[in-house]
Protein backbone atom coordinates (compact mmCIF):
# COMPACT_ATOMS: atom_id res chain seq x y z
CA MET A 1 -5.36 -48.34 59.74
CA ARG A 2 -8.84 -45.95 59.69
CA MET A 3 -12.53 -46.59 59.58
CA TYR A 4 -13.04 -44.15 56.86
CA ASP A 5 -11.01 -46.83 54.74
CA ILE A 6 -12.67 -50.04 56.41
CA ILE A 7 -16.30 -48.57 55.21
CA LYS A 8 -15.41 -47.13 51.83
CA LYS A 9 -13.65 -50.78 50.89
CA LYS A 10 -17.26 -52.37 51.63
CA ARG A 11 -19.00 -50.24 49.98
CA ASP A 12 -16.83 -50.68 46.86
CA ASN A 13 -17.77 -54.28 47.34
CA GLN A 14 -14.36 -55.06 48.22
CA PRO A 15 -13.43 -58.20 50.88
CA LEU A 16 -12.36 -56.93 54.37
CA THR A 17 -10.09 -58.92 56.04
CA LYS A 18 -9.56 -60.27 59.56
CA GLU A 19 -7.48 -57.79 60.82
CA GLU A 20 -9.59 -54.80 59.85
CA ILE A 21 -13.08 -56.58 60.81
CA ASN A 22 -11.27 -57.08 64.66
CA PHE A 23 -10.43 -53.39 64.31
CA PHE A 24 -13.48 -52.18 63.25
CA ILE A 25 -15.35 -55.04 66.25
CA THR A 26 -13.42 -53.84 68.41
CA GLY A 27 -13.41 -49.73 68.08
CA PHE A 28 -16.71 -49.82 68.17
CA THR A 29 -17.22 -51.51 71.11
CA ASN A 30 -14.54 -49.60 73.01
CA GLY A 31 -16.69 -46.42 72.19
CA SER A 32 -13.63 -45.26 69.40
CA ILE A 33 -15.46 -45.32 67.07
CA PRO A 34 -19.26 -44.12 67.02
CA ASP A 35 -22.38 -44.80 66.09
CA TYR A 36 -22.69 -43.22 62.55
CA GLN A 37 -19.38 -44.55 61.39
CA ALA A 38 -20.83 -48.29 62.38
CA ALA A 39 -24.19 -47.53 61.34
CA ALA A 40 -22.53 -47.16 57.85
CA LEU A 41 -20.57 -49.98 57.79
CA CYS A 42 -23.55 -52.13 58.58
CA MET A 43 -25.52 -50.61 55.12
CA ALA A 44 -22.50 -51.39 53.69
CA ILE A 45 -22.63 -54.79 54.51
CA TYR A 46 -26.27 -54.72 53.61
CA PHE A 47 -25.96 -53.79 49.50
CA ASN A 48 -23.15 -55.99 49.43
CA GLY A 49 -22.81 -58.90 52.01
CA MET A 50 -19.70 -60.90 53.14
CA ASN A 51 -18.17 -64.40 51.70
CA ILE A 52 -18.02 -66.98 54.20
CA GLU A 53 -14.45 -65.71 55.52
CA GLU A 54 -15.18 -62.54 56.00
CA THR A 55 -18.55 -63.55 57.79
CA THR A 56 -16.66 -66.68 59.99
CA ALA A 57 -13.86 -63.60 60.79
CA LEU A 58 -17.17 -60.93 61.65
CA THR A 59 -18.42 -64.14 63.99
CA LEU A 60 -15.16 -64.70 65.90
CA ALA A 61 -14.70 -61.39 66.43
CA VAL A 62 -18.08 -60.82 67.92
CA ARG A 63 -17.71 -64.39 70.14
CA ASP A 64 -14.53 -62.49 71.19
CA SER A 65 -15.55 -59.04 72.11
CA GLY A 66 -16.12 -59.48 75.54
CA ASP A 67 -16.63 -62.78 78.15
CA LYS A 68 -16.70 -66.49 77.25
CA LEU A 69 -18.64 -67.96 79.76
CA HIS A 70 -17.69 -72.00 81.15
CA PHE A 71 -20.15 -73.30 82.43
CA SER A 72 -18.36 -75.60 84.38
CA ASN A 73 -21.02 -76.06 87.83
CA ILE A 74 -23.40 -76.95 85.40
CA ASN A 75 -24.37 -80.34 85.50
CA GLY A 76 -24.99 -82.36 82.47
CA LEU A 77 -25.25 -81.67 78.34
CA ARG A 78 -26.25 -78.40 77.83
CA VAL A 79 -28.30 -77.61 74.55
CA ASP A 80 -29.46 -74.73 73.44
CA LYS A 81 -31.75 -73.12 70.27
CA HIS A 82 -31.77 -69.69 68.45
CA SER A 83 -34.64 -68.44 65.94
CA THR A 84 -33.39 -66.25 63.46
CA GLY A 85 -36.74 -64.21 64.05
CA GLY A 86 -40.45 -64.19 63.22
CA VAL A 87 -43.93 -62.87 63.86
CA GLY A 88 -45.80 -64.61 66.56
CA ASP A 89 -43.13 -66.87 67.99
CA LYS A 90 -42.81 -67.92 70.92
CA THR A 91 -41.66 -70.99 70.52
CA SER A 92 -38.40 -70.45 73.09
CA LEU A 93 -41.14 -69.71 75.61
CA ILE A 94 -42.48 -74.03 75.00
CA VAL A 95 -39.43 -75.14 74.09
CA ALA A 96 -36.94 -74.86 76.59
CA PRO A 97 -39.27 -75.79 79.54
CA LEU A 98 -40.46 -79.22 77.60
CA VAL A 99 -36.36 -80.16 76.70
CA ALA A 100 -35.98 -79.18 80.17
CA SER A 101 -37.84 -81.22 81.86
CA CYS A 102 -36.79 -84.49 79.97
CA GLY A 103 -33.24 -83.94 81.20
CA VAL A 104 -31.45 -81.73 79.37
CA LYS A 105 -29.91 -78.64 80.85
CA ILE A 106 -31.25 -75.25 79.01
CA ALA A 107 -29.06 -72.61 79.90
CA LYS A 108 -29.95 -69.99 77.57
CA MET A 109 -29.05 -66.31 76.73
CA SER A 110 -32.19 -64.68 74.85
CA GLY A 111 -32.63 -61.06 73.43
CA ARG A 112 -34.92 -58.22 72.49
CA GLY A 113 -37.57 -57.66 69.89
CA LEU A 114 -35.78 -56.58 66.58
CA GLY A 115 -37.56 -55.13 63.66
CA HIS A 116 -40.82 -55.90 63.42
CA THR A 117 -40.09 -59.45 65.16
CA GLY A 118 -40.86 -60.28 68.51
CA GLY A 119 -38.15 -61.19 71.77
CA THR A 120 -37.55 -64.14 74.00
CA ILE A 121 -36.91 -61.28 76.98
CA ASP A 122 -39.42 -58.80 76.01
CA LYS A 123 -42.13 -61.80 76.77
CA LEU A 124 -40.58 -63.23 80.01
CA GLU A 125 -40.05 -59.47 81.25
CA ALA A 126 -44.37 -59.49 80.44
CA ILE A 127 -44.32 -61.84 83.36
CA PRO A 128 -45.17 -59.60 86.93
CA GLY A 129 -41.36 -59.63 88.65
CA PHE A 130 -39.36 -61.94 86.30
CA LYS A 131 -35.69 -61.22 86.11
CA THR A 132 -33.79 -61.41 83.22
CA ASP A 133 -30.42 -60.17 85.13
CA LEU A 134 -29.16 -62.91 87.01
CA SER A 135 -24.72 -63.28 88.21
CA THR A 136 -23.75 -65.88 86.78
CA GLU A 137 -23.57 -67.52 90.16
CA GLU A 138 -27.13 -67.61 90.50
CA PHE A 139 -27.67 -68.60 86.96
CA GLU A 140 -26.32 -71.92 87.26
CA ARG A 141 -27.84 -72.54 90.03
CA ILE A 142 -31.15 -72.17 88.75
CA VAL A 143 -30.19 -74.52 86.03
CA ASN A 144 -28.55 -77.12 88.19
CA GLU A 145 -32.49 -76.76 90.59
CA THR A 146 -34.64 -77.00 87.62
CA GLY A 147 -32.86 -77.56 84.63
CA ILE A 148 -33.56 -74.05 82.70
CA ALA A 149 -33.20 -70.64 83.22
CA ILE A 150 -33.44 -68.00 80.61
CA VAL A 151 -31.52 -64.45 80.67
CA GLY A 152 -31.18 -61.57 78.91
CA GLN A 153 -27.52 -60.99 77.13
CA SER A 154 -24.85 -59.73 80.08
CA ALA A 155 -23.14 -56.81 79.01
CA GLU A 156 -19.96 -58.75 78.75
CA LEU A 157 -20.94 -61.58 76.98
CA ALA A 158 -20.16 -60.26 73.31
CA PRO A 159 -20.86 -56.95 74.00
CA ALA A 160 -20.39 -56.66 70.16
CA ASP A 161 -23.76 -58.07 69.27
CA LYS A 162 -25.56 -55.98 72.41
CA LYS A 163 -24.70 -52.80 70.39
CA LEU A 164 -24.90 -53.82 66.59
CA TYR A 165 -28.22 -55.21 67.72
CA ALA A 166 -29.72 -51.84 69.03
CA LEU A 167 -27.93 -50.34 66.16
CA ARG A 168 -29.29 -52.36 63.25
CA ASP A 169 -32.86 -52.54 64.82
CA VAL A 170 -33.28 -48.25 63.84
CA THR A 171 -31.04 -48.91 60.48
CA ALA A 172 -32.69 -50.83 58.90
CA THR A 173 -29.94 -53.68 58.77
CA VAL A 174 -31.19 -56.27 60.35
CA ASP A 175 -32.16 -58.54 57.69
CA SER A 176 -28.62 -58.93 56.24
CA MET A 177 -27.33 -62.57 56.51
CA PRO A 178 -23.85 -62.70 57.10
CA LEU A 179 -25.60 -59.83 60.42
CA ILE A 180 -27.81 -62.35 61.27
CA ALA A 181 -25.57 -64.94 61.23
CA SER A 182 -22.63 -63.45 62.98
CA SER A 183 -24.84 -62.11 65.42
CA ILE A 184 -26.33 -66.03 66.27
CA MET A 185 -23.50 -67.59 66.12
CA GLY A 186 -20.99 -64.87 67.54
CA LYS A 187 -24.12 -65.21 71.03
CA LYS A 188 -24.29 -68.98 70.95
CA LEU A 189 -20.57 -69.45 70.83
CA ALA A 190 -19.93 -67.40 73.24
CA ALA A 191 -22.19 -68.66 75.58
CA ASP A 192 -20.55 -72.39 74.98
CA ASP A 193 -23.55 -74.65 74.94
CA ASP A 194 -22.67 -78.11 73.76
CA CYS A 195 -24.76 -78.48 71.08
CA ILE A 196 -27.22 -75.79 69.22
CA VAL A 197 -30.33 -76.38 67.07
CA LEU A 198 -31.27 -73.00 65.14
CA ASP A 199 -34.80 -72.30 63.42
CA VAL A 200 -34.63 -70.30 59.94
CA LYS A 201 -37.28 -68.72 59.61
CA THR A 202 -38.64 -68.81 55.83
CA GLY A 203 -40.47 -66.36 54.55
CA SER A 204 -42.65 -63.25 54.60
CA GLY A 205 -42.63 -62.42 58.10
CA SER A 206 -39.09 -62.90 58.28
CA PHE A 207 -35.29 -61.61 57.14
CA MET A 208 -35.11 -64.32 54.68
CA LYS A 209 -37.63 -63.91 51.95
CA THR A 210 -37.11 -67.23 50.45
CA ILE A 211 -36.40 -71.16 51.70
CA GLU A 212 -32.38 -71.10 48.86
CA GLN A 213 -31.64 -67.74 51.50
CA SER A 214 -32.51 -69.44 54.51
CA LYS A 215 -31.07 -72.86 53.48
CA GLU A 216 -28.04 -70.23 52.66
CA LEU A 217 -27.57 -68.70 55.81
CA ALA A 218 -28.95 -72.03 57.65
CA ARG A 219 -25.26 -73.87 56.04
CA ILE A 220 -23.46 -70.82 57.00
CA MET A 221 -24.36 -71.39 60.97
CA VAL A 222 -24.41 -75.29 60.92
CA ASP A 223 -21.06 -74.46 59.59
CA ILE A 224 -19.57 -72.15 61.88
CA GLY A 225 -21.04 -74.32 64.90
CA LYS A 226 -18.85 -77.50 64.08
CA SER A 227 -15.82 -75.58 63.06
CA ALA A 228 -16.24 -74.32 66.25
CA GLY A 229 -17.41 -77.91 67.73
CA LYS A 230 -20.22 -78.44 69.03
CA ARG A 231 -23.08 -80.52 67.48
CA THR A 232 -25.23 -78.04 65.84
CA LEU A 233 -28.07 -78.53 63.29
CA ALA A 234 -30.86 -76.26 61.35
CA LEU A 235 -34.48 -76.51 60.61
CA ILE A 236 -35.74 -74.33 58.29
CA THR A 237 -39.51 -73.49 59.35
CA ASP A 238 -42.37 -71.19 57.42
CA MET A 239 -42.69 -67.97 58.28
CA ASP A 240 -45.80 -67.47 55.62
CA ILE A 241 -48.49 -67.06 58.11
CA PRO A 242 -47.43 -65.77 62.41
CA LEU A 243 -46.92 -68.86 63.60
CA GLY A 244 -50.32 -69.49 66.49
CA ASN A 245 -53.27 -66.71 66.75
CA ALA A 246 -50.80 -64.50 69.08
CA ILE A 247 -49.03 -61.34 68.64
CA GLY A 248 -47.05 -59.41 71.04
CA ASN A 249 -46.22 -60.20 74.56
CA ALA A 250 -48.74 -60.30 77.13
CA LEU A 251 -50.55 -62.55 74.59
CA GLU A 252 -47.88 -64.65 73.46
CA VAL A 253 -46.50 -65.82 76.88
CA LYS A 254 -50.67 -66.93 77.00
CA GLU A 255 -51.33 -68.50 74.64
CA ALA A 256 -47.73 -70.41 74.81
CA ILE A 257 -49.20 -71.13 78.90
CA GLU A 258 -51.70 -72.89 76.36
CA VAL A 259 -48.88 -75.46 74.62
CA LEU A 260 -47.78 -76.56 77.21
CA ASN A 261 -51.65 -77.59 79.10
CA GLY A 262 -51.75 -79.20 75.58
CA LYS A 263 -54.35 -76.33 74.35
CA GLY A 264 -52.62 -74.58 72.11
CA PRO A 265 -52.91 -73.93 67.94
CA LYS A 266 -51.99 -77.04 65.88
CA ASP A 267 -49.09 -75.25 64.42
CA LEU A 268 -47.99 -73.67 66.77
CA THR A 269 -47.82 -76.67 68.65
CA GLU A 270 -45.79 -78.11 65.21
CA VAL A 271 -43.33 -76.33 64.85
CA CYS A 272 -42.15 -76.30 68.94
CA LEU A 273 -41.96 -80.11 68.77
CA CYS A 274 -40.67 -80.59 66.15
CA LEU A 275 -37.66 -77.93 67.49
CA ALA A 276 -38.09 -80.46 70.54
CA THR A 277 -37.17 -83.19 69.50
CA ASN A 278 -34.54 -82.11 67.03
CA MET A 279 -32.99 -80.73 71.06
CA LEU A 280 -33.66 -83.60 72.62
CA TYR A 281 -32.11 -85.79 69.56
CA LEU A 282 -28.17 -83.77 69.37
CA ALA A 283 -28.19 -84.47 73.40
CA GLU A 284 -28.12 -87.69 72.49
CA LYS A 285 -31.53 -88.83 74.18
CA GLY A 286 -32.82 -91.17 71.93
CA SER A 287 -33.46 -91.80 68.47
CA ILE A 288 -36.14 -89.28 66.36
CA GLU A 289 -39.06 -91.54 66.99
CA GLU A 290 -38.09 -91.58 70.91
CA CYS A 291 -37.45 -87.90 71.45
CA GLU A 292 -40.50 -87.08 69.83
CA ARG A 293 -42.46 -89.43 72.17
CA MET A 294 -40.17 -87.79 74.60
CA ALA A 295 -41.37 -84.44 74.07
CA LYS A 296 -45.60 -85.67 73.39
CA ASP A 297 -45.47 -87.05 76.72
CA ALA A 298 -43.41 -83.75 78.35
CA ILE A 299 -46.68 -82.20 77.52
CA ALA A 300 -49.40 -84.69 78.24
CA SER A 301 -47.98 -85.45 81.60
CA LYS A 302 -47.53 -81.62 82.82
CA LYS A 303 -43.93 -81.92 82.71
CA ALA A 304 -43.00 -79.22 80.56
CA LEU A 305 -45.17 -77.09 82.20
CA ASN A 306 -44.45 -78.04 85.65
CA THR A 307 -40.78 -77.01 84.76
CA PHE A 308 -41.76 -73.66 83.72
CA VAL A 309 -43.81 -72.89 86.55
CA GLN A 310 -40.55 -73.55 88.30
CA MET A 311 -38.36 -71.36 86.16
CA VAL A 312 -40.46 -69.33 86.30
CA LYS A 313 -40.30 -69.19 89.91
CA ALA A 314 -36.74 -68.98 90.60
CA GLN A 315 -36.22 -65.63 88.63
CA GLY A 316 -39.05 -63.97 90.98
CA GLY A 317 -41.54 -64.57 88.84
CA ASN A 318 -45.23 -64.75 90.59
CA SER A 319 -45.84 -67.90 88.97
CA GLU A 320 -49.76 -67.56 89.75
CA TYR A 321 -49.26 -65.77 85.80
CA ILE A 322 -48.70 -69.29 84.63
CA LEU A 323 -50.66 -71.52 86.53
CA ARG A 324 -54.10 -68.31 86.27
CA PRO A 325 -53.30 -66.95 82.81
CA GLU A 326 -56.46 -64.78 82.90
CA LEU A 327 -53.77 -62.43 85.55
CA PHE A 328 -52.63 -60.82 82.77
CA LYS A 329 -53.48 -57.05 82.32
CA ASN A 330 -56.24 -56.44 79.86
CA ALA A 331 -55.64 -53.64 77.48
CA ASP A 332 -57.51 -50.65 77.38
CA TYR A 333 -58.35 -50.65 74.78
CA ILE A 334 -60.09 -53.16 71.89
CA TYR A 335 -60.60 -52.60 68.34
CA GLU A 336 -61.80 -55.19 66.09
CA VAL A 337 -60.92 -55.35 62.34
CA LYS A 338 -63.15 -56.71 59.85
CA ALA A 339 -63.23 -58.65 56.71
CA THR A 340 -64.04 -55.51 53.75
CA GLU A 341 -64.82 -58.95 51.13
CA GLU A 342 -65.96 -62.49 51.26
CA GLY A 343 -63.62 -65.57 50.09
CA TYR A 344 -60.62 -67.12 51.31
CA ILE A 345 -57.91 -65.60 53.30
CA TYR A 346 -55.60 -66.09 50.28
CA SER A 347 -51.97 -64.97 51.64
CA VAL A 348 -51.13 -62.41 54.40
CA ASN A 349 -47.67 -60.57 54.34
CA THR A 350 -46.82 -61.56 57.52
CA GLU A 351 -44.11 -58.89 58.16
CA GLY A 352 -47.55 -55.89 57.78
CA TYR A 353 -49.17 -58.15 60.49
CA GLY A 354 -45.81 -57.75 62.94
CA ILE A 355 -45.50 -53.49 62.03
CA ALA A 356 -48.69 -53.55 63.30
CA SER A 357 -48.69 -55.10 66.53
CA LEU A 358 -45.91 -52.31 66.38
CA LEU A 359 -48.23 -49.41 65.94
CA LEU A 360 -50.22 -50.56 69.42
CA GLY A 361 -46.55 -49.93 71.51
CA ALA A 362 -45.86 -54.42 71.35
CA GLY A 363 -42.58 -52.78 69.84
CA ARG A 364 -39.86 -50.40 69.14
CA ASN A 365 -39.19 -48.12 66.78
CA VAL A 366 -36.24 -46.75 68.43
CA LYS A 367 -34.05 -48.13 70.73
CA GLU A 368 -34.69 -46.13 73.61
CA ASP A 369 -39.24 -46.93 73.14
CA LYS A 370 -40.64 -49.34 76.13
CA ILE A 371 -43.14 -51.62 75.37
CA ASP A 372 -46.60 -51.99 76.35
CA PHE A 373 -47.01 -55.47 77.38
CA SER A 374 -50.79 -56.03 77.15
CA ALA A 375 -50.88 -54.26 73.39
CA GLY A 376 -51.31 -56.94 70.60
CA ILE A 377 -53.67 -59.20 68.20
CA ILE A 378 -55.38 -61.74 67.77
CA LEU A 379 -55.60 -62.99 64.77
CA ARG A 380 -59.17 -64.57 64.35
CA ALA A 381 -59.08 -65.95 60.67
CA LYS A 382 -55.81 -67.37 59.17
CA THR A 383 -54.49 -67.94 55.69
CA GLY A 384 -57.11 -70.87 54.38
CA ASP A 385 -59.92 -69.93 56.11
CA PHE A 386 -62.87 -68.68 54.78
CA VAL A 387 -64.53 -65.70 55.70
CA ASN A 388 -67.82 -63.64 54.62
CA LYS A 389 -67.74 -59.62 54.83
CA GLY A 390 -67.99 -58.30 57.81
CA ASP A 391 -66.51 -60.65 59.62
CA VAL A 392 -63.58 -60.81 62.30
CA ILE A 393 -60.53 -61.15 60.90
CA ALA A 394 -58.50 -59.89 63.90
CA THR A 395 -58.38 -57.92 67.56
CA LEU A 396 -56.60 -55.36 68.34
CA TYR A 397 -55.18 -54.37 71.82
CA SER A 398 -53.89 -51.45 73.47
CA GLU A 399 -53.19 -48.44 75.95
CA LYS A 400 -53.64 -46.05 73.50
CA ASN A 401 -56.91 -45.75 71.85
CA ALA A 402 -55.43 -45.53 68.44
CA PHE A 403 -55.62 -48.13 66.30
CA GLU A 404 -56.26 -46.46 62.63
CA ALA A 405 -52.81 -47.30 61.49
CA SER A 406 -52.45 -50.54 62.88
CA ALA A 407 -55.78 -51.62 61.37
CA LYS A 408 -54.75 -50.31 57.87
CA LYS A 409 -51.81 -52.07 57.87
CA LEU A 410 -53.30 -55.91 58.90
CA LEU A 411 -56.12 -55.04 56.18
CA GLU A 412 -53.24 -54.23 53.76
CA SER A 413 -51.48 -56.79 54.41
CA THR A 414 -54.34 -59.49 54.11
CA LYS A 415 -55.10 -61.20 50.09
CA ILE A 416 -58.80 -62.41 50.27
CA CYS A 417 -59.18 -64.24 46.97
CA ALA A 418 -62.48 -66.64 45.63
CA THR A 419 -60.06 -70.37 45.87
CA PRO A 420 -58.05 -71.86 48.67
CA PRO A 421 -54.42 -71.23 48.62
CA GLU A 422 -52.52 -74.64 48.22
CA LYS A 423 -51.40 -76.14 51.92
CA ARG A 424 -47.72 -75.98 52.79
CA ASP A 425 -45.80 -77.90 55.15
CA LEU A 426 -44.21 -75.79 58.40
CA VAL A 427 -40.84 -77.21 59.06
CA LEU A 428 -39.76 -77.23 55.02
CA ALA A 429 -35.78 -78.28 55.65
CA ARG A 430 -33.21 -79.71 57.86
CA VAL A 431 -29.95 -79.09 57.40
CA GLU A 432 -27.14 -80.36 59.75
């Protein structure tokens, strides 16, 4: 079997066999298949797709490419939540401690930024001292003691995905349905959680641009999860508008803390409560209505915030930053982006906002790039708001005094009209 033939077969839009997919994943993982051939196959998959049998085979090959976790020493039911990626999407920082504070174990492995979207691990590493690399023994101990731990994907867990993840990020093959599904579910099945809630983003800031695409991706992943014996459901949530007002690592951590204090943006709070409610529901904590009340009470009583503080402390982070977010380092340079005309912000290209943040240093152009944790954007006006010419619509933050490209991208991505846009729900569908 040759990798050349597999690339040619998929280039010509023919389905790959389970054996061919396993050959690719095994060879790419052990290094016998080079990056350039893996990139070629990813591009062929991007253009020609995969059927459900191929996608399932790819998912299971990713799952089986390394160790599988069996957290026999963790007491209690484990539930996880995964987002398909968005702009300003800091929900894991809120939802995970919220659910853990309600008595459900969160043993979570998260990823880094991918393309124009941020990554939970990058955001957590903005907290001074926070360790995202723990031994299995440390991980299990912290989950048992605090109810929650969030770490980066270990080299031994689904290593094929870790390599593909980095490669897709720099080869313009991120937004491919089978590659997204196999990446997410390969890791989730290897981590062996009991329940999985999937947050499938839709709109201009997501990899799936339409509700129909998002529902199709959700159905594929839910079917894969259920066939593996996991309680699985998916929510389709809106990403035509950045979630919350903050885009960028430390800025998003500070906004997550605001939500846990009961003072966060309404849209971000609403989506987090919906995700937490469904996680508690899958974990059999009660009816949807009972679980929603439980989640709201966890924020109002500060139980969720206290759980976040305990997790940060247990993972080596300075928990004073959670109690006093003003301690986070401010960027050296600040720039205000002003409206060029009067009217309602009718729509935004959320992906463009993500790219604007990346240009400030909040993300990676190549996988070796270092992130500026203080870089990012605070939105001062969002879709539906009326602005006058000259009003500040966003504040940019960066360690480098170079704002021209970012400001231009943000303005290009903002459409202002004389009439207001129609309102749209934040949670658009539920797929079981």
